[in-house]
Amino acid sequence: MKKDINIPEVKNVTFAIIRKANDSGDFEWEVHLINNNDFYLQNIIVMSRGYGEKDGEKIETSTLRHFFDEVKGNNTLLIEPIDPKLFTLNNEYSLTYYVEDEIFFKKFTFTPAAMDEVHLTKIEQLGEEGILHS
């Protein structure tokens, strides 16, 4: 049954984890969805979870679920803040959304190696430095 469902490829939709300086000069980190299409994404569901190993012990965070009505074309959407202590884990974001009557799905995983500060880049859509995943 599942093999009979055609899910088109996700294009021009990315996730970014950005850092922003707060009033005390420390960094706060946020996860954003970026829609680089000219059309709306609707009925957006994002599930986030962290998983990995530390000192030989498996670690898994709670799964968080977020629902958003829409994100306009060429726009961004704040998903959640993220604690940098979680950067030692794989941070996975499962995205489901509709464009008209078509459903789209894709998983984005930020690995611990990807979260190294050497990978920080300017993310124009958000005006901040961060890690971009497409």
C-alpha atoms as a PDB file:
ATOM      1  CA  MET A   1       0.000   0.000   0.000  1.00  0.00           C
ATOM      2  CA  LYS A   2       2.689   2.485   1.031  1.00  0.00           C
ATOM      3  CA  LYS A   3       4.566   1.831  -2.220  1.00  0.00           C
ATOM      4  CA  ASP A   4       1.457   2.937  -4.152  1.00  0.00           C
ATOM      5  CA  ILE A   5       1.569   6.456  -2.698  1.00  0.00           C
ATOM      6  CA  ASN A   6       3.464   8.902  -4.886  1.00  0.00           C
ATOM      7  CA  ILE A   7       5.248  11.523  -2.785  1.00  0.00           C
ATOM      8  CA  PRO A   8       6.970  14.123  -4.974  1.00  0.00           C
ATOM      9  CA  GLU A   9      10.487  15.370  -4.302  1.00  0.00           C
ATOM     10  CA  VAL A  10      10.852  18.311  -1.922  1.00  0.00           C
ATOM     11  CA  LYS A  11      12.512  21.209  -3.735  1.00  0.00           C
ATOM     12  CA  ASN A  12      13.662  24.623  -2.527  1.00  0.00           C
ATOM     13  CA  VAL A  13      12.702  23.942   1.095  1.00  0.00           C
ATOM     14  CA  THR A  14      15.493  23.832   3.676  1.00  0.00           C
ATOM     15  CA  PHE A  15      16.132  23.877   7.397  1.00  0.00           C
ATOM     16  CA  ALA A  16      18.611  26.149   9.131  1.00  0.00           C
ATOM     17  CA  ILE A  17      19.929  26.222  12.671  1.00  0.00           C
ATOM     18  CA  ILE A  18      21.014  29.788  13.361  1.00  0.00           C
ATOM     19  CA  ARG A  19      22.721  31.524  16.218  1.00  0.00           C
ATOM     20  CA  LYS A  20      21.666  34.942  17.438  1.00  0.00           C
ATOM     21  CA  ALA A  21      23.367  37.095  20.021  1.00  0.00           C
ATOM     22  CA  ASN A  22      21.087  37.992  22.923  1.00  0.00           C
ATOM     23  CA  ASP A  23      21.228  41.130  25.088  1.00  0.00           C
ATOM     24  CA  SER A  24      23.948  39.657  27.320  1.00  0.00           C
ATOM     25  CA  GLY A  25      26.158  38.805  24.310  1.00  0.00           C
ATOM     26  CA  ASP A  26      25.583  35.056  24.579  1.00  0.00           C
ATOM     27  CA  PHE A  27      24.311  33.044  21.639  1.00  0.00           C
ATOM     28  CA  GLU A  28      20.842  31.570  21.403  1.00  0.00           C
ATOM     29  CA  TRP A  29      20.146  28.941  18.747  1.00  0.00           C
ATOM     30  CA  GLU A  30      16.954  28.504  16.704  1.00  0.00           C
ATOM     31  CA  VAL A  31      15.675  26.100  14.069  1.00  0.00           C
ATOM     32  CA  HIS A  32      13.987  27.673  11.028  1.00  0.00           C
ATOM     33  CA  LEU A  33      12.222  26.356   7.959  1.00  0.00           C
ATOM     34  CA  ILE A  34      13.023  28.266   4.762  1.00  0.00           C
ATOM     35  CA  ASN A  35      10.624  28.187   1.813  1.00  0.00           C
ATOM     36  CA  ASN A  36      12.517  29.311  -1.308  1.00  0.00           C
ATOM     37  CA  ASN A  37       9.532  28.643  -3.578  1.00  0.00           C
ATOM     38  CA  ASP A  38       7.168  31.268  -4.962  1.00  0.00           C
ATOM     39  CA  PHE A  39       4.160  29.433  -3.484  1.00  0.00           C
ATOM     40  CA  TYR A  40       2.732  28.748  -0.044  1.00  0.00           C
ATOM     41  CA  LEU A  41       3.339  25.560   1.910  1.00  0.00           C
ATOM     42  CA  GLN A  42       0.225  24.550   3.841  1.00  0.00           C
ATOM     43  CA  ASN A  43      -0.679  22.270   6.758  1.00  0.00           C
ATOM     44  CA  ILE A  44       2.946  21.952   7.823  1.00  0.00           C
ATOM     45  CA  ILE A  45       3.911  19.316  10.372  1.00  0.00           C
ATOM     46  CA  VAL A  46       7.450  19.195  11.749  1.00  0.00           C
ATOM     47  CA  MET A  47       8.563  16.414  14.082  1.00  0.00           C
ATOM     48  CA  SER A  48      11.910  16.886  15.790  1.00  0.00           C
ATOM     49  CA  ARG A  49      13.998  14.476  17.819  1.00  0.00           C
ATOM     50  CA  GLY A  50      17.582  13.943  18.857  1.00  0.00           C
ATOM     51  CA  TYR A  51      19.394  10.628  19.058  1.00  0.00           C
ATOM     52  CA  GLY A  52      22.895   9.247  19.385  1.00  0.00           C
ATOM     53  CA  GLU A  53      25.380   7.816  21.856  1.00  0.00           C
ATOM     54  CA  LYS A  54      27.375   9.271  24.715  1.00  0.00           C
ATOM     55  CA  ASP A  55      29.937   7.216  26.625  1.00  0.00           C
ATOM     56  CA  GLY A  56      28.619   4.074  24.910  1.00  0.00           C
ATOM     57  CA  GLU A  57      25.052   4.688  26.077  1.00  0.00           C
ATOM     58  CA  LYS A  58      22.204   5.329  23.647  1.00  0.00           C
ATOM     59  CA  ILE A  59      20.483   8.662  24.122  1.00  0.00           C
ATOM     60  CA  GLU A  60      17.190   9.780  22.630  1.00  0.00           C
ATOM     61  CA  THR A  61      15.267  12.982  23.292  1.00  0.00           C
ATOM     62  CA  SER A  62      11.528  13.372  23.356  1.00  0.00           C
ATOM     63  CA  THR A  63       9.845  13.770  19.989  1.00  0.00           C
ATOM     64  CA  LEU A  64       8.330  17.214  19.544  1.00  0.00           C
ATOM     65  CA  ARG A  65       5.549  17.869  17.061  1.00  0.00           C
ATOM     66  CA  HIS A  66       4.725  21.269  15.611  1.00  0.00           C
ATOM     67  CA  PHE A  67       1.856  22.284  13.341  1.00  0.00           C
ATOM     68  CA  PHE A  68       1.728  25.467  11.264  1.00  0.00           C
ATOM     69  CA  ASP A  69      -1.091  26.566   8.957  1.00  0.00           C
ATOM     70  CA  GLU A  70       1.216  27.923   6.270  1.00  0.00           C
ATOM     71  CA  VAL A  71       4.429  29.611   5.287  1.00  0.00           C
ATOM     72  CA  LYS A  72       4.363  32.072   2.419  1.00  0.00           C
ATOM     73  CA  GLY A  73       6.546  31.754  -0.625  1.00  0.00           C
ATOM     74  CA  ASN A  74      10.104  33.077  -0.211  1.00  0.00           C
ATOM     75  CA  ASN A  75       9.633  33.258   3.528  1.00  0.00           C
ATOM     76  CA  THR A  76      10.883  31.636   6.742  1.00  0.00           C
ATOM     77  CA  LEU A  77       9.239  30.049   9.753  1.00  0.00           C
ATOM     78  CA  LEU A  78      10.643  29.712  13.281  1.00  0.00           C
ATOM     79  CA  ILE A  79      10.211  26.079  14.333  1.00  0.00           C
ATOM     80  CA  GLU A  80      11.789  25.952  17.803  1.00  0.00           C
ATOM     81  CA  PRO A  81      14.723  27.058  19.930  1.00  0.00           C
ATOM     82  CA  ILE A  82      17.448  24.434  20.351  1.00  0.00           C
ATOM     83  CA  ASP A  83      19.914  23.956  23.199  1.00  0.00           C
ATOM     84  CA  PRO A  84      23.500  23.684  21.864  1.00  0.00           C
ATOM     85  CA  LYS A  85      24.040  20.781  24.299  1.00  0.00           C
ATOM     86  CA  LEU A  86      21.985  18.763  21.792  1.00  0.00           C
ATOM     87  CA  PHE A  87      24.578  19.333  19.046  1.00  0.00           C
ATOM     88  CA  THR A  88      26.409  16.198  20.226  1.00  0.00           C
ATOM     89  CA  LEU A  89      23.397  14.224  18.942  1.00  0.00           C
ATOM     90  CA  ASN A  90      21.865  13.734  15.515  1.00  0.00           C
ATOM     91  CA  ASN A  91      19.023  16.257  15.327  1.00  0.00           C
ATOM     92  CA  GLU A  92      16.343  15.037  12.931  1.00  0.00           C
ATOM     93  CA  TYR A  93      13.485  17.100  11.514  1.00  0.00           C
ATOM     94  CA  SER A  94      10.721  15.289   9.631  1.00  0.00           C
ATOM     95  CA  LEU A  95       8.766  17.682   7.433  1.00  0.00           C
ATOM     96  CA  THR A  96       5.341  17.071   5.927  1.00  0.00           C
ATOM     97  CA  TYR A  97       3.376  19.728   4.049  1.00  0.00           C
ATOM     98  CA  TYR A  98       0.838  20.248   1.284  1.00  0.00           C
ATOM     99  CA  VAL A  99       0.944  22.305  -1.874  1.00  0.00           C
ATOM    100  CA  GLU A 100      -2.641  22.415  -3.082  1.00  0.00           C
ATOM    101  CA  ASP A 101      -3.741  18.737  -2.925  1.00  0.00           C
ATOM    102  CA  GLU A 102      -0.258  17.215  -3.102  1.00  0.00           C
ATOM    103  CA  ILE A 103       1.562  15.965   0.008  1.00  0.00           C
ATOM    104  CA  PHE A 104       5.340  16.297   0.424  1.00  0.00           C
ATOM    105  CA  PHE A 105       7.675  14.644   2.956  1.00  0.00           C
ATOM    106  CA  LYS A 106      11.386  14.787   3.734  1.00  0.00           C
ATOM    107  CA  LYS A 107      13.716  14.147   6.681  1.00  0.00           C
ATOM    108  CA  PHE A 108      16.559  16.542   7.456  1.00  0.00           C
ATOM    109  CA  THR A 109      19.270  15.362   9.877  1.00  0.00           C
ATOM    110  CA  PHE A 110      21.917  17.623  11.369  1.00  0.00           C
ATOM    111  CA  THR A 111      24.783  15.367  12.470  1.00  0.00           C
ATOM    112  CA  PRO A 112      27.145  16.330  15.305  1.00  0.00           C
ATOM    113  CA  ALA A 113      29.945  16.915  12.762  1.00  0.00           C
ATOM    114  CA  ALA A 114      27.702  19.284  10.774  1.00  0.00           C
ATOM    115  CA  MET A 115      27.207  21.466  13.852  1.00  0.00           C
ATOM    116  CA  ASP A 116      30.887  22.419  14.100  1.00  0.00           C
ATOM    117  CA  GLU A 117      31.326  26.199  14.011  1.00  0.00           C
ATOM    118  CA  VAL A 118      33.608  25.898  10.965  1.00  0.00           C
ATOM    119  CA  HIS A 119      30.411  25.184   8.984  1.00  0.00           C
ATOM    120  CA  LEU A 120      28.705  28.440   9.976  1.00  0.00           C
ATOM    121  CA  THR A 121      27.663  30.484   6.981  1.00  0.00           C
ATOM    122  CA  LYS A 122      25.639  33.648   6.460  1.00  0.00           C
ATOM    123  CA  ILE A 123      22.011  32.690   5.824  1.00  0.00           C
ATOM    124  CA  GLU A 124      20.670  35.592   3.793  1.00  0.00           C
ATOM    125  CA  GLN A 125      16.964  34.831   4.338  1.00  0.00           C
ATOM    126  CA  LEU A 126      17.422  35.106   8.120  1.00  0.00           C
ATOM    127  CA  GLY A 127      20.214  37.684   8.299  1.00  0.00           C
ATOM    128  CA  GLU A 128      22.171  35.482  10.723  1.00  0.00           C
ATOM    129  CA  GLU A 129      24.982  32.936  10.729  1.00  0.00           C
ATOM    130  CA  GLY A 130      24.028  29.304  10.924  1.00  0.00           C
ATOM    131  CA  ILE A 131      24.107  25.813   9.487  1.00  0.00           C
ATOM    132  CA  LEU A 132      21.982  25.200   6.403  1.00  0.00           C
ATOM    133  CA  HIS A 133      20.612  21.772   5.469  1.00  0.00           C
ATOM    134  CA  SER A 134      18.830  21.096   2.188  1.00  0.00           C
END
